[in-house]
Amino acid sequence: MTKRIAVLVAVFLVVGSVPGWSLCGAIDDWVTKQASSDNYPVKFVGLLLSGVHRVVESPYELLYHTYDGTVNNFENGLGFFKGLGEGAFRMTENVARGAWDIVSAPIPGYNGEPGGHDHRLMG
């Protein structure tokens, strides 16, 4: 069981690498366009994809903000803790928004909550 968790963490680390996530900008734009469609089936699938994408992407938030805080804030190691806290917050936010997108996908006329944030690392 522990080996499976280690493999899953390794997969998230590989998926969370910078070159892999540069493609996600185009995917994010496409999914957002689908989720805001007036056509119910397109909107339904778009919100489901948006929710799944947010949940899968959420561990990246923890890794990115912890790394960014550690590298860019050298104040006696406090940058690590600041980044860890911000990463945990952003990860929780992404999981909650993703779950909400999945749960609210069947609601006609509802196109999800706008939001999200850009990473300095990506652009």
N, C-alpha and C. Protein backbone atom coordinates (compact mmCIF):
# COMPACT_ATOMS: atom_id res chain seq x y z
N MET A 1 0.82 -1.19 0.00
CA MET A 1 0.00 0.00 0.00
C MET A 1 0.87 1.25 0.00
N THR A 2 1.95 1.24 0.76
CA THR A 2 2.85 2.39 0.83
C THR A 2 3.52 2.63 -0.52
N LYS A 3 3.84 1.56 -1.23
CA LYS A 3 4.47 1.72 -2.54
C LYS A 3 3.50 2.36 -3.53
N ARG A 4 2.23 2.04 -3.43
CA ARG A 4 1.23 2.64 -4.31
C ARG A 4 1.12 4.14 -4.05
N ILE A 5 1.15 4.53 -2.80
CA ILE A 5 1.09 5.95 -2.46
C ILE A 5 2.33 6.66 -2.98
N ALA A 6 3.49 6.03 -2.82
CA ALA A 6 4.74 6.64 -3.31
C ALA A 6 4.70 6.80 -4.83
N VAL A 7 4.17 5.80 -5.53
CA VAL A 7 4.05 5.90 -6.99
C VAL A 7 3.08 7.01 -7.37
N LEU A 8 1.97 7.11 -6.65
CA LEU A 8 1.00 8.17 -6.92
C LEU A 8 1.61 9.55 -6.70
N VAL A 9 2.37 9.71 -5.63
CA VAL A 9 3.05 10.99 -5.38
C VAL A 9 4.06 11.28 -6.48
N ALA A 10 4.80 10.27 -6.91
CA ALA A 10 5.76 10.45 -7.99
C ALA A 10 5.07 10.86 -9.28
N VAL A 11 3.92 10.26 -9.57
CA VAL A 11 3.17 10.63 -10.77
C VAL A 11 2.72 12.08 -10.69
N PHE A 12 2.24 12.51 -9.53
CA PHE A 12 1.83 13.91 -9.37
C PHE A 12 3.01 14.84 -9.53
N LEU A 13 4.19 14.43 -9.05
CA LEU A 13 5.37 15.28 -9.22
C LEU A 13 5.75 15.41 -10.68
N VAL A 14 5.67 14.31 -11.42
CA VAL A 14 5.98 14.36 -12.85
C VAL A 14 4.94 15.18 -13.59
N VAL A 15 3.66 14.97 -13.28
CA VAL A 15 2.59 15.72 -13.92
C VAL A 15 2.71 17.20 -13.56
N GLY A 16 3.18 17.49 -12.36
CA GLY A 16 3.29 18.86 -11.90
C GLY A 16 4.53 19.60 -12.37
N SER A 17 5.33 18.96 -13.20
CA SER A 17 6.53 19.66 -13.67
C SER A 17 6.15 20.80 -14.61
N VAL A 18 7.00 21.77 -14.71
CA VAL A 18 6.70 23.00 -15.48
C VAL A 18 6.39 22.73 -16.94
N PRO A 19 7.19 21.95 -17.68
CA PRO A 19 6.86 21.75 -19.10
C PRO A 19 5.51 21.08 -19.31
N GLY A 20 5.15 20.17 -18.44
CA GLY A 20 3.85 19.51 -18.58
C GLY A 20 2.69 20.45 -18.35
N TRP A 21 2.85 21.39 -17.42
CA TRP A 21 1.76 22.30 -17.09
C TRP A 21 1.64 23.44 -18.09
N SER A 22 2.63 23.65 -18.95
CA SER A 22 2.50 24.72 -19.94
C SER A 22 1.38 24.40 -20.92
N LEU A 23 1.13 23.12 -21.16
CA LEU A 23 0.02 22.70 -22.02
C LEU A 23 -1.32 22.95 -21.36
N CYS A 24 -1.35 22.98 -20.04
CA CYS A 24 -2.61 23.12 -19.32
C CYS A 24 -3.28 24.47 -19.52
N GLY A 25 -2.53 25.49 -19.91
CA GLY A 25 -3.14 26.80 -20.17
C GLY A 25 -4.16 26.69 -21.28
N ALA A 26 -3.81 25.99 -22.35
CA ALA A 26 -4.74 25.80 -23.46
C ALA A 26 -5.90 24.91 -23.05
N ILE A 27 -5.63 23.89 -22.27
CA ILE A 27 -6.69 23.01 -21.80
C ILE A 27 -7.63 23.77 -20.87
N ASP A 28 -7.06 24.60 -19.97
CA ASP A 28 -7.89 25.40 -19.06
C ASP A 28 -8.83 26.31 -19.84
N ASP A 29 -8.31 26.96 -20.87
CA ASP A 29 -9.14 27.85 -21.69
C ASP A 29 -10.26 27.08 -22.36
N TRP A 30 -9.95 25.92 -22.91
CA TRP A 30 -10.96 25.12 -23.60
C TRP A 30 -12.03 24.63 -22.62
N VAL A 31 -11.62 24.14 -21.46
CA VAL A 31 -12.57 23.64 -20.46
C VAL A 31 -13.46 24.78 -19.96
N THR A 32 -12.88 25.96 -19.74
CA THR A 32 -13.66 27.11 -19.29
C THR A 32 -14.69 27.50 -20.35
N LYS A 33 -14.29 27.44 -21.60
CA LYS A 33 -15.23 27.76 -22.69
C LYS A 33 -16.37 26.74 -22.73
N GLN A 34 -16.05 25.47 -22.55
CA GLN A 34 -17.08 24.43 -22.54
C GLN A 34 -18.03 24.60 -21.36
N ALA A 35 -17.47 24.91 -20.19
CA ALA A 35 -18.28 25.03 -18.97
C ALA A 35 -19.20 26.24 -19.02
N SER A 36 -18.85 27.25 -19.81
CA SER A 36 -19.70 28.45 -19.88
C SER A 36 -20.62 28.43 -21.10
N SER A 37 -20.76 27.28 -21.73
CA SER A 37 -21.62 27.14 -22.91
C SER A 37 -23.10 27.20 -22.51
N ASP A 38 -23.93 27.65 -23.44
CA ASP A 38 -25.38 27.66 -23.21
C ASP A 38 -26.01 26.31 -23.55
N ASN A 39 -25.30 25.49 -24.27
CA ASN A 39 -25.77 24.15 -24.63
C ASN A 39 -25.59 23.23 -23.41
N TYR A 40 -26.70 22.67 -22.90
CA TYR A 40 -26.66 21.91 -21.65
C TYR A 40 -25.67 20.74 -21.67
N PRO A 41 -25.68 19.85 -22.68
CA PRO A 41 -24.72 18.73 -22.65
C PRO A 41 -23.26 19.20 -22.67
N VAL A 42 -22.98 20.24 -23.44
CA VAL A 42 -21.61 20.76 -23.50
C VAL A 42 -21.22 21.36 -22.15
N LYS A 43 -22.13 22.11 -21.54
CA LYS A 43 -21.89 22.71 -20.23
C LYS A 43 -21.69 21.64 -19.17
N PHE A 44 -22.52 20.61 -19.20
CA PHE A 44 -22.45 19.52 -18.23
C PHE A 44 -21.07 18.84 -18.28
N VAL A 45 -20.64 18.47 -19.47
CA VAL A 45 -19.33 17.82 -19.62
C VAL A 45 -18.20 18.79 -19.27
N GLY A 46 -18.35 20.06 -19.66
CA GLY A 46 -17.34 21.06 -19.34
C GLY A 46 -17.16 21.25 -17.85
N LEU A 47 -18.26 21.29 -17.10
CA LEU A 47 -18.15 21.43 -15.65
C LEU A 47 -17.57 20.18 -15.00
N LEU A 48 -17.94 19.01 -15.51
CA LEU A 48 -17.35 17.78 -14.97
C LEU A 48 -15.84 17.78 -15.19
N LEU A 49 -15.42 18.12 -16.42
CA LEU A 49 -13.98 18.17 -16.72
C LEU A 49 -13.27 19.23 -15.88
N SER A 50 -13.92 20.37 -15.71
CA SER A 50 -13.34 21.43 -14.89
C SER A 50 -13.14 20.98 -13.45
N GLY A 51 -14.13 20.30 -12.90
CA GLY A 51 -14.02 19.81 -11.54
C GLY A 51 -12.94 18.77 -11.37
N VAL A 52 -12.89 17.82 -12.29
CA VAL A 52 -11.87 16.77 -12.22
C VAL A 52 -10.48 17.40 -12.39
N HIS A 53 -10.36 18.34 -13.32
CA HIS A 53 -9.08 19.00 -13.56
C HIS A 53 -8.61 19.75 -12.31
N ARG A 54 -9.50 20.45 -11.64
CA ARG A 54 -9.12 21.18 -10.43
C ARG A 54 -8.67 20.23 -9.33
N VAL A 55 -9.38 19.12 -9.16
CA VAL A 55 -9.03 18.17 -8.10
C VAL A 55 -7.68 17.51 -8.40
N VAL A 56 -7.46 17.12 -9.65
CA VAL A 56 -6.20 16.47 -10.01
C VAL A 56 -5.04 17.47 -9.92
N GLU A 57 -5.29 18.72 -10.25
CA GLU A 57 -4.24 19.73 -10.24
C GLU A 57 -3.91 20.22 -8.82
N SER A 58 -4.75 19.97 -7.86
CA SER A 58 -4.58 20.55 -6.52
C SER A 58 -3.28 20.19 -5.81
N PRO A 59 -2.73 18.97 -5.90
CA PRO A 59 -1.45 18.72 -5.23
C PRO A 59 -0.32 19.59 -5.76
N TYR A 60 -0.42 19.99 -7.00
CA TYR A 60 0.58 20.87 -7.60
C TYR A 60 0.65 22.19 -6.83
N GLU A 61 -0.49 22.67 -6.34
CA GLU A 61 -0.53 23.93 -5.59
C GLU A 61 0.37 23.84 -4.35
N LEU A 62 0.27 22.75 -3.63
CA LEU A 62 1.07 22.56 -2.43
C LEU A 62 2.56 22.54 -2.78
N LEU A 63 2.91 21.79 -3.80
CA LEU A 63 4.31 21.69 -4.20
C LEU A 63 4.85 23.02 -4.70
N TYR A 64 4.08 23.68 -5.56
CA TYR A 64 4.54 24.94 -6.16
C TYR A 64 4.75 26.02 -5.11
N HIS A 65 3.76 26.25 -4.25
CA HIS A 65 3.86 27.34 -3.28
C HIS A 65 4.92 27.06 -2.22
N THR A 66 5.10 25.80 -1.85
CA THR A 66 6.16 25.46 -0.89
C THR A 66 7.53 25.73 -1.52
N TYR A 67 7.70 25.30 -2.76
CA TYR A 67 8.97 25.55 -3.46
C TYR A 67 9.20 27.05 -3.64
N ASP A 68 8.18 27.76 -4.11
CA ASP A 68 8.30 29.19 -4.36
C ASP A 68 8.62 29.95 -3.07
N GLY A 69 7.96 29.61 -1.99
CA GLY A 69 8.23 30.26 -0.71
C GLY A 69 9.63 29.99 -0.21
N THR A 70 10.11 28.77 -0.42
CA THR A 70 11.44 28.40 0.04
C THR A 70 12.52 29.11 -0.78
N VAL A 71 12.34 29.18 -2.08
CA VAL A 71 13.36 29.75 -2.96
C VAL A 71 13.35 31.28 -2.91
N ASN A 72 12.19 31.89 -2.85
CA ASN A 72 12.10 33.34 -2.94
C ASN A 72 12.06 34.07 -1.60
N ASN A 73 11.88 33.37 -0.51
CA ASN A 73 11.85 34.00 0.83
C ASN A 73 12.85 33.29 1.73
N PHE A 74 13.99 33.88 1.89
CA PHE A 74 15.06 33.24 2.66
C PHE A 74 15.09 33.68 4.12
N GLU A 75 14.02 34.22 4.64
CA GLU A 75 14.00 34.77 5.99
C GLU A 75 14.04 33.67 7.04
N ASN A 76 15.22 33.14 7.29
CA ASN A 76 15.43 32.11 8.31
C ASN A 76 14.52 30.90 8.13
N GLY A 77 14.23 30.53 6.91
CA GLY A 77 13.38 29.37 6.64
C GLY A 77 11.90 29.63 6.73
N LEU A 78 11.51 30.86 7.00
CA LEU A 78 10.08 31.16 7.14
C LEU A 78 9.35 31.06 5.80
N GLY A 79 10.07 31.26 4.71
CA GLY A 79 9.45 31.15 3.39
C GLY A 79 8.87 29.77 3.14
N PHE A 80 9.54 28.74 3.67
CA PHE A 80 9.04 27.38 3.53
C PHE A 80 7.67 27.25 4.18
N PHE A 81 7.55 27.75 5.41
CA PHE A 81 6.30 27.63 6.14
C PHE A 81 5.20 28.50 5.53
N LYS A 82 5.59 29.69 5.07
CA LYS A 82 4.62 30.56 4.39
C LYS A 82 4.11 29.88 3.12
N GLY A 83 5.03 29.32 2.33
CA GLY A 83 4.65 28.62 1.11
C GLY A 83 3.82 27.39 1.39
N LEU A 84 4.16 26.67 2.43
CA LEU A 84 3.41 25.48 2.81
C LEU A 84 1.98 25.85 3.19
N GLY A 85 1.83 26.93 3.95
CA GLY A 85 0.49 27.39 4.34
C GLY A 85 -0.32 27.85 3.15
N GLU A 86 0.30 28.67 2.28
CA GLU A 86 -0.42 29.14 1.10
C GLU A 86 -0.76 27.99 0.17
N GLY A 87 0.17 27.05 0.01
CA GLY A 87 -0.08 25.89 -0.83
C GLY A 87 -1.22 25.04 -0.31
N ALA A 88 -1.26 24.84 1.00
CA ALA A 88 -2.36 24.06 1.60
C ALA A 88 -3.69 24.77 1.40
N PHE A 89 -3.69 26.09 1.54
CA PHE A 89 -4.92 26.86 1.32
C PHE A 89 -5.37 26.75 -0.13
N ARG A 90 -4.45 26.96 -1.07
CA ARG A 90 -4.81 26.90 -2.50
C ARG A 90 -5.24 25.48 -2.90
N MET A 91 -4.59 24.47 -2.34
CA MET A 91 -4.96 23.10 -2.65
C MET A 91 -6.38 22.81 -2.15
N THR A 92 -6.68 23.24 -0.94
CA THR A 92 -8.02 23.04 -0.39
C THR A 92 -9.06 23.80 -1.22
N GLU A 93 -8.71 25.02 -1.62
CA GLU A 93 -9.61 25.82 -2.45
C GLU A 93 -9.89 25.11 -3.78
N ASN A 94 -8.85 24.56 -4.41
CA ASN A 94 -9.03 23.87 -5.68
C ASN A 94 -9.88 22.61 -5.52
N VAL A 95 -9.67 21.87 -4.46
CA VAL A 95 -10.48 20.66 -4.23
C VAL A 95 -11.94 21.04 -4.01
N ALA A 96 -12.17 22.08 -3.20
CA ALA A 96 -13.55 22.51 -2.93
C ALA A 96 -14.23 23.02 -4.20
N ARG A 97 -13.53 23.85 -4.98
CA ARG A 97 -14.11 24.36 -6.23
C ARG A 97 -14.35 23.23 -7.23
N GLY A 98 -13.41 22.29 -7.29
CA GLY A 98 -13.57 21.16 -8.20
C GLY A 98 -14.75 20.28 -7.81
N ALA A 99 -14.88 20.01 -6.51
CA ALA A 99 -16.01 19.21 -6.05
C ALA A 99 -17.33 19.94 -6.33
N TRP A 100 -17.34 21.26 -6.13
CA TRP A 100 -18.54 22.04 -6.40
C TRP A 100 -18.88 22.00 -7.89
N ASP A 101 -17.89 22.09 -8.76
CA ASP A 101 -18.15 22.00 -10.20
C ASP A 101 -18.77 20.65 -10.56
N ILE A 102 -18.26 19.59 -9.96
CA ILE A 102 -18.79 18.25 -10.26
C ILE A 102 -20.22 18.11 -9.74
N VAL A 103 -20.47 18.57 -8.53
CA VAL A 103 -21.80 18.45 -7.93
C VAL A 103 -22.81 19.33 -8.66
N SER A 104 -22.39 20.52 -9.08
CA SER A 104 -23.32 21.47 -9.70
C SER A 104 -23.44 21.31 -11.22
N ALA A 105 -22.72 20.38 -11.81
CA ALA A 105 -22.77 20.19 -13.26
C ALA A 105 -24.19 19.90 -13.78
N PRO A 106 -25.01 19.13 -13.09
CA PRO A 106 -26.35 18.83 -13.62
C PRO A 106 -27.35 20.00 -13.54
N ILE A 107 -27.02 21.06 -12.83
CA ILE A 107 -27.97 22.16 -12.66
C ILE A 107 -28.06 22.96 -13.96
N PRO A 108 -29.24 23.00 -14.59
CA PRO A 108 -29.38 23.74 -15.85
C PRO A 108 -29.18 25.24 -15.62
N GLY A 109 -28.48 25.86 -16.52
CA GLY A 109 -28.28 27.31 -16.47
C GLY A 109 -27.19 27.76 -15.52
N TYR A 110 -26.58 26.86 -14.76
CA TYR A 110 -25.51 27.22 -13.84
C TYR A 110 -24.18 26.82 -14.47
N ASN A 111 -23.30 27.76 -14.62
CA ASN A 111 -22.04 27.51 -15.31
C ASN A 111 -20.83 27.51 -14.37
N GLY A 112 -21.03 27.28 -13.12
CA GLY A 112 -19.92 27.17 -12.19
C GLY A 112 -19.46 28.51 -11.65
N GLU A 113 -18.61 28.41 -10.66
CA GLU A 113 -18.05 29.60 -10.03
C GLU A 113 -16.84 30.07 -10.82
N PRO A 114 -16.79 31.35 -11.15
CA PRO A 114 -15.57 31.84 -11.77
C PRO A 114 -14.45 31.88 -10.73
N GLY A 115 -13.26 31.85 -11.19
CA GLY A 115 -12.17 31.95 -10.22
C GLY A 115 -10.94 31.26 -10.69
N GLY A 116 -10.07 31.08 -9.78
CA GLY A 116 -8.76 30.53 -10.11
C GLY A 116 -7.73 31.63 -10.02
N HIS A 117 -6.50 31.29 -10.25
CA HIS A 117 -5.44 32.27 -10.19
C HIS A 117 -4.31 31.82 -11.10
N ASP A 118 -3.53 32.76 -11.54
CA ASP A 118 -2.41 32.46 -12.42
C ASP A 118 -1.18 32.24 -11.56
N HIS A 119 -0.33 31.37 -12.03
CA HIS A 119 0.93 31.12 -11.35
C HIS A 119 2.03 31.92 -12.03
N ARG A 120 2.88 32.53 -11.23
CA ARG A 120 4.01 33.25 -11.81
C ARG A 120 4.90 32.29 -12.58
N LEU A 121 4.93 31.03 -12.17
CA LEU A 121 5.76 30.04 -12.80
C LEU A 121 5.32 29.76 -14.23
N MET A 122 4.03 29.88 -14.48
CA MET A 122 3.49 29.53 -15.80
C MET A 122 3.44 30.71 -16.75
N GLY A 123 3.63 31.87 -16.32
CA GLY A 123 3.53 32.95 -17.28
C GLY A 123 3.71 34.24 -16.67
